[in-house]
Each structure stands twice: as structure tokens, then as C-alpha cells.
Amino acid sequence: MIKSELIQRLTEENPHLYHRDVERIVSTVFDEIAGALASGDRVELRGFGAFSVKKRDARMGRNPRTGESVPVPEKHVPFFKTGKELRLRLNGDDADDEDED
């Protein structure tokens, strides 16, 4: 699903809201998540998952075309860890099955 499809579905499920308002809400949520990650913060959405930033150290890489070694600088990459409820939903497990283990 892409952002425009999400906005369309939310608009259909909430006919009392204008399309432009739903678009503004979705954009604001995404902007806040991106802003928090850019600041080095962690964003947790209970039942869904947590967004965080991981640091990748500098290393020596290889140019696949020439085989030449090239330095790859340190960088920060977004990371998402699914929440328990989302994992259970994706795997079709019932929450009661978890208690039996």
C-alpha cells in the first residue's frame, strides 16, 4: 500500500472527514515520525511496532564493476521492529496460543 492508497482507504472509512483533512493528518503523522528519527529518538506504536535509527560503521566496500576497494562512510539507517500483536496477526496465530507455551 502506498501513501495515496492509505489516504483513500481512510477517507472511505471515515466519510465525515474531508479528503484534504485525512491527507493532512497522514502527512503530519509521517512527518512527526521522520522528525523524531532524525533527532535520534525512537517511535513506538503499541501493537504495531517501533521505529528507531541504527548506526552502520564505516567499512571498506567493493565496486562490483571494477572490483576496486572503496571506503563506505558511516551512516544511520531507519530500522523497524514489529510489535507482538502485529507478528501474531501476520502469522495467523491466536493470542491464546501464546499463553499455552
PDB file of N, CA and C in Angstrom:
ATOM      1  N   MET A   1       0.847  -1.170   0.000  1.00  0.00           N
ATOM      2  CA  MET A   1       0.000   0.000   0.000  1.00  0.00           C
ATOM      3  C   MET A   1       0.894   1.235   0.000  1.00  0.00           C
ATOM      4  N   ILE A   2       0.521   2.179  -0.820  1.00  0.00           N
ATOM      5  CA  ILE A   2       1.265   3.435  -0.867  1.00  0.00           C
ATOM      6  C   ILE A   2       0.466   4.513  -0.134  1.00  0.00           C
ATOM      7  N   LYS A   3       1.102   5.645   0.102  1.00  0.00           N
ATOM      8  CA  LYS A   3       0.505   6.709   0.911  1.00  0.00           C
ATOM      9  C   LYS A   3      -0.859   7.134   0.360  1.00  0.00           C
ATOM     10  N   SER A   4      -0.973   7.314  -0.941  1.00  0.00           N
ATOM     11  CA  SER A   4      -2.244   7.754  -1.513  1.00  0.00           C
ATOM     12  C   SER A   4      -3.347   6.713  -1.316  1.00  0.00           C
ATOM     13  N   GLU A   5      -2.990   5.427  -1.352  1.00  0.00           N
ATOM     14  CA  GLU A   5      -3.976   4.367  -1.110  1.00  0.00           C
ATOM     15  C   GLU A   5      -4.420   4.378   0.359  1.00  0.00           C
ATOM     16  N   LEU A   6      -3.487   4.623   1.268  1.00  0.00           N
ATOM     17  CA  LEU A   6      -3.826   4.731   2.682  1.00  0.00           C
ATOM     18  C   LEU A   6      -4.794   5.883   2.910  1.00  0.00           C
ATOM     19  N   ILE A   7      -4.507   7.023   2.320  1.00  0.00           N
ATOM     20  CA  ILE A   7      -5.372   8.192   2.455  1.00  0.00           C
ATOM     21  C   ILE A   7      -6.756   7.892   1.887  1.00  0.00           C
ATOM     22  N   GLN A   8      -6.805   7.254   0.723  1.00  0.00           N
ATOM     23  CA  GLN A   8      -8.081   6.919   0.098  1.00  0.00           C
ATOM     24  C   GLN A   8      -8.898   5.983   0.988  1.00  0.00           C
ATOM     25  N   ARG A   9      -8.265   4.954   1.534  1.00  0.00           N
ATOM     26  CA  ARG A   9      -8.972   3.997   2.391  1.00  0.00           C
ATOM     27  C   ARG A   9      -9.482   4.664   3.667  1.00  0.00           C
ATOM     28  N   LEU A  10      -8.644   5.501   4.287  1.00  0.00           N
ATOM     29  CA  LEU A  10      -9.084   6.207   5.492  1.00  0.00           C
ATOM     30  C   LEU A  10     -10.240   7.159   5.191  1.00  0.00           C
ATOM     31  N   THR A  11     -10.211   7.795   4.034  1.00  0.00           N
ATOM     32  CA  THR A  11     -11.305   8.691   3.630  1.00  0.00           C
ATOM     33  C   THR A  11     -12.598   7.906   3.449  1.00  0.00           C
ATOM     34  N   GLU A  12     -12.490   6.720   2.834  1.00  0.00           N
ATOM     35  CA  GLU A  12     -13.679   5.883   2.624  1.00  0.00           C
ATOM     36  C   GLU A  12     -14.245   5.381   3.948  1.00  0.00           C
ATOM     37  N   GLU A  13     -13.385   5.039   4.892  1.00  0.00           N
ATOM     38  CA  GLU A  13     -13.826   4.517   6.180  1.00  0.00           C
ATOM     39  C   GLU A  13     -14.308   5.608   7.134  1.00  0.00           C
ATOM     40  N   ASN A  14     -13.993   6.852   6.817  1.00  0.00           N
ATOM     41  CA  ASN A  14     -14.397   7.986   7.653  1.00  0.00           C
ATOM     42  C   ASN A  14     -15.060   9.052   6.789  1.00  0.00           C
ATOM     43  N   PRO A  15     -16.271   8.790   6.306  1.00  0.00           N
ATOM     44  CA  PRO A  15     -16.924   9.718   5.381  1.00  0.00           C
ATOM     45  C   PRO A  15     -17.196  11.100   5.982  1.00  0.00           C
ATOM     46  N   HIS A  16     -17.159  11.223   7.309  1.00  0.00           N
ATOM     47  CA  HIS A  16     -17.371  12.513   7.950  1.00  0.00           C
ATOM     48  C   HIS A  16     -16.150  13.426   7.853  1.00  0.00           C
ATOM     49  N   LEU A  17     -15.012  12.891   7.392  1.00  0.00           N
ATOM     50  CA  LEU A  17     -13.791  13.688   7.241  1.00  0.00           C
ATOM     51  C   LEU A  17     -13.554  14.025   5.775  1.00  0.00           C
ATOM     52  N   TYR A  18     -13.075  15.233   5.531  1.00  0.00           N
ATOM     53  CA  TYR A  18     -12.729  15.631   4.177  1.00  0.00           C
ATOM     54  C   TYR A  18     -11.429  14.949   3.749  1.00  0.00           C
ATOM     55  N   HIS A  19     -11.308  14.689   2.459  1.00  0.00           N
ATOM     56  CA  HIS A  19     -10.105  14.052   1.905  1.00  0.00           C
ATOM     57  C   HIS A  19      -8.871  14.870   2.256  1.00  0.00           C
ATOM     58  N   ARG A  20      -8.956  16.186   2.113  1.00  0.00           N
ATOM     59  CA  ARG A  20      -7.783  17.043   2.392  1.00  0.00           C
ATOM     60  C   ARG A  20      -7.370  16.973   3.862  1.00  0.00           C
ATOM     61  N   ASP A  21      -8.348  16.793   4.764  1.00  0.00           N
ATOM     62  CA  ASP A  21      -8.018  16.681   6.183  1.00  0.00           C
ATOM     63  C   ASP A  21      -7.336  15.358   6.489  1.00  0.00           C
ATOM     64  N   VAL A  22      -7.818  14.278   5.881  1.00  0.00           N
ATOM     65  CA  VAL A  22      -7.183  12.968   6.065  1.00  0.00           C
ATOM     66  C   VAL A  22      -5.758  13.014   5.526  1.00  0.00           C
ATOM     67  N   GLU A  23      -5.579  13.644   4.368  1.00  0.00           N
ATOM     68  CA  GLU A  23      -4.243  13.770   3.769  1.00  0.00           C
ATOM     69  C   GLU A  23      -3.312  14.545   4.702  1.00  0.00           C
ATOM     70  N   ARG A  24      -3.812  15.609   5.310  1.00  0.00           N
ATOM     71  CA  ARG A  24      -3.014  16.418   6.238  1.00  0.00           C
ATOM     72  C   ARG A  24      -2.651  15.613   7.489  1.00  0.00           C
ATOM     73  N   ILE A  25      -3.598  14.826   7.993  1.00  0.00           N
ATOM     74  CA  ILE A  25      -3.357  14.003   9.186  1.00  0.00           C
ATOM     75  C   ILE A  25      -2.276  12.962   8.916  1.00  0.00           C
ATOM     76  N   VAL A  26      -2.410  12.244   7.799  1.00  0.00           N
ATOM     77  CA  VAL A  26      -1.437  11.205   7.448  1.00  0.00           C
ATOM     78  C   VAL A  26      -0.051  11.825   7.253  1.00  0.00           C
ATOM     79  N   SER A  27       0.013  12.939   6.543  1.00  0.00           N
ATOM     80  CA  SER A  27       1.296  13.604   6.313  1.00  0.00           C
ATOM     81  C   SER A  27       1.919  14.076   7.621  1.00  0.00           C
ATOM     82  N   THR A  28       1.091  14.582   8.523  1.00  0.00           N
ATOM     83  CA  THR A  28       1.591  15.054   9.814  1.00  0.00           C
ATOM     84  C   THR A  28       2.168  13.898  10.629  1.00  0.00           C
ATOM     85  N   VAL A  29       1.462  12.772  10.649  1.00  0.00           N
ATOM     86  CA  VAL A  29       1.958  11.600  11.391  1.00  0.00           C
ATOM     87  C   VAL A  29       3.300  11.154  10.825  1.00  0.00           C
ATOM     88  N   PHE A  30       3.393  11.024   9.502  1.00  0.00           N
ATOM     89  CA  PHE A  30       4.648  10.599   8.880  1.00  0.00           C
ATOM     90  C   PHE A  30       5.762  11.602   9.133  1.00  0.00           C
ATOM     91  N   ASP A  31       5.448  12.899   9.046  1.00  0.00           N
ATOM     92  CA  ASP A  31       6.460  13.936   9.295  1.00  0.00           C
ATOM     93  C   ASP A  31       6.964  13.891  10.732  1.00  0.00           C
ATOM     94  N   GLU A  32       6.064  13.647  11.681  1.00  0.00           N
ATOM     95  CA  GLU A  32       6.466  13.567  13.087  1.00  0.00           C
ATOM     96  C   GLU A  32       7.362  12.354  13.338  1.00  0.00           C
ATOM     97  N   ILE A  33       7.027  11.222  12.718  1.00  0.00           N
ATOM     98  CA  ILE A  33       7.872  10.021  12.856  1.00  0.00           C
ATOM     99  C   ILE A  33       9.251  10.296  12.269  1.00  0.00           C
ATOM    100  N   ALA A  34       9.280  10.866  11.059  1.00  0.00           N
ATOM    101  CA  ALA A  34      10.562  11.166  10.412  1.00  0.00           C
ATOM    102  C   ALA A  34      11.373  12.177  11.223  1.00  0.00           C
ATOM    103  N   GLY A  35      10.706  13.184  11.761  1.00  0.00           N
ATOM    104  CA  GLY A  35      11.395  14.192  12.570  1.00  0.00           C
ATOM    105  C   GLY A  35      11.987  13.605  13.834  1.00  0.00           C
ATOM    106  N   ALA A  36      11.223  12.728  14.473  1.00  0.00           N
ATOM    107  CA  ALA A  36      11.718  12.089  15.696  1.00  0.00           C
ATOM    108  C   ALA A  36      12.932  11.218  15.386  1.00  0.00           C
ATOM    109  N   LEU A  37      12.876  10.465  14.302  1.00  0.00           N
ATOM    110  CA  LEU A  37      14.021   9.621  13.930  1.00  0.00           C
ATOM    111  C   LEU A  37      15.231  10.471  13.588  1.00  0.00           C
ATOM    112  N   ALA A  38      15.010  11.582  12.892  1.00  0.00           N
ATOM    113  CA  ALA A  38      16.116  12.478  12.540  1.00  0.00           C
ATOM    114  C   ALA A  38      16.771  13.056  13.787  1.00  0.00           C
ATOM    115  N   SER A  39      15.991  13.199  14.852  1.00  0.00           N
ATOM    116  CA  SER A  39      16.529  13.714  16.124  1.00  0.00           C
ATOM    117  C   SER A  39      17.172  12.624  16.962  1.00  0.00           C
ATOM    118  N   GLY A  40      17.123  11.393  16.478  1.00  0.00           N
ATOM    119  CA  GLY A  40      17.723  10.285  17.207  1.00  0.00           C
ATOM    120  C   GLY A  40      16.777   9.621  18.186  1.00  0.00           C
ATOM    121  N   ASP A  41      15.500  10.005  18.158  1.00  0.00           N
ATOM    122  CA  ASP A  41      14.521   9.415  19.062  1.00  0.00           C
ATOM    123  C   ASP A  41      13.966   8.112  18.493  1.00  0.00           C
ATOM    124  N   ARG A  42      13.314   7.365  19.369  1.00  0.00           N
ATOM    125  CA  ARG A  42      12.660   6.106  18.997  1.00  0.00           C
ATOM    126  C   ARG A  42      11.161   6.370  18.996  1.00  0.00           C
ATOM    127  N   VAL A  43      10.443   5.805  18.014  1.00  0.00           N
ATOM    128  CA  VAL A  43       8.995   5.979  17.932  1.00  0.00           C
ATOM    129  C   VAL A  43       8.341   4.615  18.083  1.00  0.00           C
ATOM    130  N   GLU A  44       7.504   4.476  19.109  1.00  0.00           N
ATOM    131  CA  GLU A  44       6.844   3.197  19.352  1.00  0.00           C
ATOM    132  C   GLU A  44       5.345   3.355  19.187  1.00  0.00           C
ATOM    133  N   LEU A  45       4.745   2.506  18.364  1.00  0.00           N
ATOM    134  CA  LEU A  45       3.304   2.466  18.176  1.00  0.00           C
ATOM    135  C   LEU A  45       2.836   1.139  18.751  1.00  0.00           C
ATOM    136  N   ARG A  46       2.243   1.169  19.932  1.00  0.00           N
ATOM    137  CA  ARG A  46       1.840  -0.051  20.645  1.00  0.00           C
ATOM    138  C   ARG A  46       0.999  -0.959  19.755  1.00  0.00           C
ATOM    139  N   GLY A  47       1.353  -2.230  19.745  1.00  0.00           N
ATOM    140  CA  GLY A  47       0.632  -3.217  18.957  1.00  0.00           C
ATOM    141  C   GLY A  47       1.062  -3.267  17.509  1.00  0.00           C
ATOM    142  N   PHE A  48       1.806  -2.273  17.054  1.00  0.00           N
ATOM    143  CA  PHE A  48       2.251  -2.228  15.666  1.00  0.00           C
ATOM    144  C   PHE A  48       3.745  -2.461  15.563  1.00  0.00           C
ATOM    145  N   GLY A  49       4.525  -1.630  16.237  1.00  0.00           N
ATOM    146  CA  GLY A  49       5.972  -1.796  16.193  1.00  0.00           C
ATOM    147  C   GLY A  49       6.703  -0.540  16.616  1.00  0.00           C
ATOM    148  N   ALA A  50       8.005  -0.590  16.476  1.00  0.00           N
ATOM    149  CA  ALA A  50       8.844   0.527  16.895  1.00  0.00           C
ATOM    150  C   ALA A  50       9.831   0.886  15.795  1.00  0.00           C
ATOM    151  N   PHE A  51       9.940   2.184  15.550  1.00  0.00           N
ATOM    152  CA  PHE A  51      10.901   2.711  14.598  1.00  0.00           C
ATOM    153  C   PHE A  51      12.091   3.245  15.384  1.00  0.00           C
ATOM    154  N   SER A  52      13.292   2.971  14.901  1.00  0.00           N
ATOM    155  CA  SER A  52      14.484   3.513  15.533  1.00  0.00           C
ATOM    156  C   SER A  52      15.545   3.720  14.446  1.00  0.00           C
ATOM    157  N   VAL A  53      16.664   4.265  14.861  1.00  0.00           N
ATOM    158  CA  VAL A  53      17.769   4.510  13.931  1.00  0.00           C
ATOM    159  C   VAL A  53      18.956   3.674  14.375  1.00  0.00           C
ATOM    160  N   LYS A  54      19.543   2.966  13.437  1.00  0.00           N
ATOM    161  CA  LYS A  54      20.746   2.177  13.734  1.00  0.00           C
ATOM    162  C   LYS A  54      21.930   2.797  13.007  1.00  0.00           C
ATOM    163  N   LYS A  55      23.079   2.725  13.665  1.00  0.00           N
ATOM    164  CA  LYS A  55      24.309   3.267  13.085  1.00  0.00           C
ATOM    165  C   LYS A  55      25.066   2.143  12.386  1.00  0.00           C
ATOM    166  N   ARG A  56      25.443   2.389  11.160  1.00  0.00           N
ATOM    167  CA  ARG A  56      26.312   1.447  10.446  1.00  0.00           C
ATOM    168  C   ARG A  56      27.705   2.060  10.394  1.00  0.00           C
ATOM    169  N   ASP A  57      28.678   1.321  10.894  1.00  0.00           N
ATOM    170  CA  ASP A  57      30.046   1.816  10.931  1.00  0.00           C
ATOM    171  C   ASP A  57      30.633   1.940   9.524  1.00  0.00           C
ATOM    172  N   ALA A  58      31.649   2.774   9.425  1.00  0.00           N
ATOM    173  CA  ALA A  58      32.383   2.906   8.169  1.00  0.00           C
ATOM    174  C   ALA A  58      33.066   1.569   7.873  1.00  0.00           C
ATOM    175  N   ARG A  59      33.202   1.263   6.596  1.00  0.00           N
ATOM    176  CA  ARG A  59      33.810  -0.010   6.210  1.00  0.00           C
ATOM    177  C   ARG A  59      34.406   0.118   4.822  1.00  0.00           C
ATOM    178  N   MET A  60      35.106  -0.912   4.433  1.00  0.00           N
ATOM    179  CA  MET A  60      35.624  -0.964   3.065  1.00  0.00           C
ATOM    180  C   MET A  60      34.658  -1.789   2.233  1.00  0.00           C
ATOM    181  N   GLY A  61      34.194  -1.212   1.143  1.00  0.00           N
ATOM    182  CA  GLY A  61      33.297  -1.903   0.230  1.00  0.00           C
ATOM    183  C   GLY A  61      34.037  -2.241  -1.052  1.00  0.00           C
ATOM    184  N   ARG A  62      33.293  -2.770  -2.010  1.00  0.00           N
ATOM    185  CA  ARG A  62      33.910  -3.145  -3.281  1.00  0.00           C
ATOM    186  C   ARG A  62      33.015  -2.677  -4.412  1.00  0.00           C
ATOM    187  N   ASN A  63      33.611  -2.002  -5.373  1.00  0.00           N
ATOM    188  CA  ASN A  63      32.886  -1.602  -6.573  1.00  0.00           C
ATOM    189  C   ASN A  63      32.643  -2.872  -7.397  1.00  0.00           C
ATOM    190  N   PRO A  64      31.390  -3.275  -7.600  1.00  0.00           N
ATOM    191  CA  PRO A  64      31.129  -4.533  -8.303  1.00  0.00           C
ATOM    192  C   PRO A  64      31.568  -4.514  -9.766  1.00  0.00           C
ATOM    193  N   ARG A  65      31.636  -3.338 -10.367  1.00  0.00           N
ATOM    194  CA  ARG A  65      32.017  -3.245 -11.771  1.00  0.00           C
ATOM    195  C   ARG A  65      33.525  -3.423 -11.973  1.00  0.00           C
ATOM    196  N   THR A  66      34.309  -2.769 -11.097  1.00  0.00           N
ATOM    197  CA  THR A  66      35.760  -2.793 -11.281  1.00  0.00           C
ATOM    198  C   THR A  66      36.476  -3.710 -10.291  1.00  0.00           C
ATOM    199  N   GLY A  67      35.788  -4.074  -9.212  1.00  0.00           N
ATOM    200  CA  GLY A  67      36.433  -4.893  -8.193  1.00  0.00           C
ATOM    201  C   GLY A  67      37.305  -4.080  -7.252  1.00  0.00           C
ATOM    202  N   GLU A  68      37.373  -2.779  -7.475  1.00  0.00           N
ATOM    203  CA  GLU A  68      38.211  -1.892  -6.676  1.00  0.00           C
ATOM    204  C   GLU A  68      37.604  -1.689  -5.281  1.00  0.00           C
ATOM    205  N   SER A  69      38.459  -1.646  -4.257  1.00  0.00           N
ATOM    206  CA  SER A  69      38.005  -1.374  -2.902  1.00  0.00           C
ATOM    207  C   SER A  69      37.704   0.109  -2.761  1.00  0.00           C
ATOM    208  N   VAL A  70      36.567   0.408  -2.128  1.00  0.00           N
ATOM    209  CA  VAL A  70      36.182   1.803  -1.919  1.00  0.00           C
ATOM    210  C   VAL A  70      35.729   1.972  -0.474  1.00  0.00           C
ATOM    211  N   PRO A  71      36.070   3.106   0.128  1.00  0.00           N
ATOM    212  CA  PRO A  71      35.614   3.340   1.502  1.00  0.00           C
ATOM    213  C   PRO A  71      34.125   3.707   1.519  1.00  0.00           C
ATOM    214  N   VAL A  72      33.388   3.100   2.429  1.00  0.00           N
ATOM    215  CA  VAL A  72      31.972   3.421   2.618  1.00  0.00           C
ATOM    216  C   VAL A  72      31.882   4.132   3.964  1.00  0.00           C
ATOM    217  N   PRO A  73      31.393   5.374   3.968  1.00  0.00           N
ATOM    218  CA  PRO A  73      31.363   6.128   5.225  1.00  0.00           C
ATOM    219  C   PRO A  73      30.309   5.606   6.203  1.00  0.00           C
ATOM    220  N   GLU A  74      30.463   5.998   7.451  1.00  0.00           N
ATOM    221  CA  GLU A  74      29.475   5.672   8.485  1.00  0.00           C
ATOM    222  C   GLU A  74      28.139   6.281   8.079  1.00  0.00           C
ATOM    223  N   LYS A  75      27.047   5.579   8.389  1.00  0.00           N
ATOM    224  CA  LYS A  75      25.735   6.147   8.095  1.00  0.00           C
ATOM    225  C   LYS A  75      24.709   5.639   9.094  1.00  0.00           C
ATOM    226  N   HIS A  76      23.604   6.342   9.146  1.00  0.00           N
ATOM    227  CA  HIS A  76      22.500   5.982  10.026  1.00  0.00           C
ATOM    228  C   HIS A  76      21.336   5.536   9.144  1.00  0.00           C
ATOM    229  N   VAL A  77      20.709   4.417   9.502  1.00  0.00           N
ATOM    230  CA  VAL A  77      19.618   3.870   8.701  1.00  0.00           C
ATOM    231  C   VAL A  77      18.405   3.622   9.591  1.00  0.00           C
ATOM    232  N   PRO A  78      17.195   3.824   9.027  1.00  0.00           N
ATOM    233  CA  PRO A  78      15.993   3.552   9.811  1.00  0.00           C
ATOM    234  C   PRO A  78      15.817   2.049  10.013  1.00  0.00           C
ATOM    235  N   PHE A  79      15.242   1.682  11.147  1.00  0.00           N
ATOM    236  CA  PHE A  79      15.035   0.285  11.490  1.00  0.00           C
ATOM    237  C   PHE A  79      13.637   0.147  12.081  1.00  0.00           C
ATOM    238  N   PHE A  80      12.931  -0.917  11.705  1.00  0.00           N
ATOM    239  CA  PHE A  80      11.591  -1.155  12.220  1.00  0.00           C
ATOM    240  C   PHE A  80      11.523  -2.542  12.837  1.00  0.00           C
ATOM    241  N   LYS A  81      11.025  -2.607  14.052  1.00  0.00           N
ATOM    242  CA  LYS A  81      10.836  -3.888  14.728  1.00  0.00           C
ATOM    243  C   LYS A  81       9.348  -4.050  14.975  1.00  0.00           C
ATOM    244  N   THR A  82       8.779  -5.149  14.477  1.00  0.00           N
ATOM    245  CA  THR A  82       7.342  -5.361  14.622  1.00  0.00           C
ATOM    246  C   THR A  82       6.968  -5.615  16.076  1.00  0.00           C
ATOM    247  N   GLY A  83       5.767  -5.197  16.414  1.00  0.00           N
ATOM    248  CA  GLY A  83       5.225  -5.448  17.734  1.00  0.00           C
ATOM    249  C   GLY A  83       4.628  -6.841  17.803  1.00  0.00           C
ATOM    250  N   LYS A  84       4.400  -7.307  19.012  1.00  0.00           N
ATOM    251  CA  LYS A  84       3.882  -8.663  19.232  1.00  0.00           C
ATOM    252  C   LYS A  84       2.521  -8.866  18.560  1.00  0.00           C
ATOM    253  N   GLU A  85       1.614  -7.902  18.713  1.00  0.00           N
ATOM    254  CA  GLU A  85       0.275  -8.044  18.120  1.00  0.00           C
ATOM    255  C   GLU A  85       0.337  -8.139  16.608  1.00  0.00           C
ATOM    256  N   LEU A  86       1.194  -7.353  15.976  1.00  0.00           N
ATOM    257  CA  LEU A  86       1.328  -7.392  14.519  1.00  0.00           C
ATOM    258  C   LEU A  86       1.906  -8.728  14.072  1.00  0.00           C
ATOM    259  N   ARG A  87       2.923  -9.212  14.779  1.00  0.00           N
ATOM    260  CA  ARG A  87       3.505 -10.520  14.433  1.00  0.00           C
ATOM    261  C   ARG A  87       2.463 -11.626  14.529  1.00  0.00           C
ATOM    262  N   LEU A  88       1.669 -11.610  15.606  1.00  0.00           N
ATOM    263  CA  LEU A  88       0.630 -12.622  15.773  1.00  0.00           C
ATOM    264  C   LEU A  88      -0.400 -12.534  14.648  1.00  0.00           C
ATOM    265  N   ARG A  89      -0.768 -11.324  14.287  1.00  0.00           N
ATOM    266  CA  ARG A  89      -1.760 -11.135  13.216  1.00  0.00           C
ATOM    267  C   ARG A  89      -1.231 -11.607  11.868  1.00  0.00           C
ATOM    268  N   LEU A  90       0.026 -11.313  11.592  1.00  0.00           N
ATOM    269  CA  LEU A  90       0.625 -11.722  10.314  1.00  0.00           C
ATOM    270  C   LEU A  90       0.762 -13.234  10.203  1.00  0.00           C
ATOM    271  N   ASN A  91       1.036 -13.884  11.328  1.00  0.00           N
ATOM    272  CA  ASN A  91       1.239 -15.324  11.320  1.00  0.00           C
ATOM    273  C   ASN A  91      -0.042 -16.108  11.550  1.00  0.00           C
ATOM    274  N   GLY A  92      -1.160 -15.406  11.705  1.00  0.00           N
ATOM    275  CA  GLY A  92      -2.435 -16.074  11.890  1.00  0.00           C
ATOM    276  C   GLY A  92      -2.563 -16.783  13.214  1.00  0.00           C
ATOM    277  N   ASP A  93      -1.680 -16.477  14.162  1.00  0.00           N
ATOM    278  CA  ASP A  93      -1.733 -17.098  15.479  1.00  0.00           C
ATOM    279  C   ASP A  93      -2.810 -16.437  16.309  1.00  0.00           C
ATOM    280  N   ASP A  94      -3.396 -17.207  17.179  1.00  0.00           N
ATOM    281  CA  ASP A  94      -4.372 -16.668  18.127  1.00  0.00           C
ATOM    282  C   ASP A  94      -3.615 -16.265  19.385  1.00  0.00           C
ATOM    283  N   ALA A  95      -4.021 -15.190  20.011  1.00  0.00           N
ATOM    284  CA  ALA A  95      -3.338 -14.715  21.229  1.00  0.00           C
ATOM    285  C   ALA A  95      -3.369 -15.765  22.328  1.00  0.00           C
ATOM    286  N   ASP A  96      -4.396 -16.640  22.345  1.00  0.00           N
ATOM    287  CA  ASP A  96      -4.480 -17.696  23.364  1.00  0.00           C
ATOM    288  C   ASP A  96      -3.382 -18.729  23.200  1.00  0.00           C
ATOM    289  N   ASP A  97      -2.930 -18.956  21.965  1.00  0.00           N
ATOM    290  CA  ASP A  97      -1.860 -19.929  21.715  1.00  0.00           C
ATOM    291  C   ASP A  97      -0.581 -19.505  22.409  1.00  0.00           C
ATOM    292  N   GLU A  98      -0.354 -18.206  22.527  1.00  0.00           N
ATOM    293  CA  GLU A  98       0.861 -17.682  23.137  1.00  0.00           C
ATOM    294  C   GLU A  98       0.900 -18.020  24.621  1.00  0.00           C
ATOM    295  N   ASP A  99      -0.259 -18.031  25.274  1.00  0.00           N
ATOM    296  CA  ASP A  99      -0.311 -18.293  26.707  1.00  0.00           C
ATOM    297  C   ASP A  99      -0.037 -19.768  27.038  1.00  0.00           C
ATOM    298  N   GLU A 100      -0.258 -20.665  26.093  1.00  0.00           N
ATOM    299  CA  GLU A 100      -0.098 -22.090  26.358  1.00  0.00           C
ATOM    300  C   GLU A 100       1.355 -22.538  26.395  1.00  0.00           C
ATOM    301  N   ASP A 101       2.276 -21.751  25.828  1.00  0.00           N
ATOM    302  CA  ASP A 101       3.683 -22.155  25.776  1.00  0.00           C
ATOM    303  C   ASP A 101       4.358 -22.116  27.104  1.00  0.00           C
TER     304      ASP A 101
END
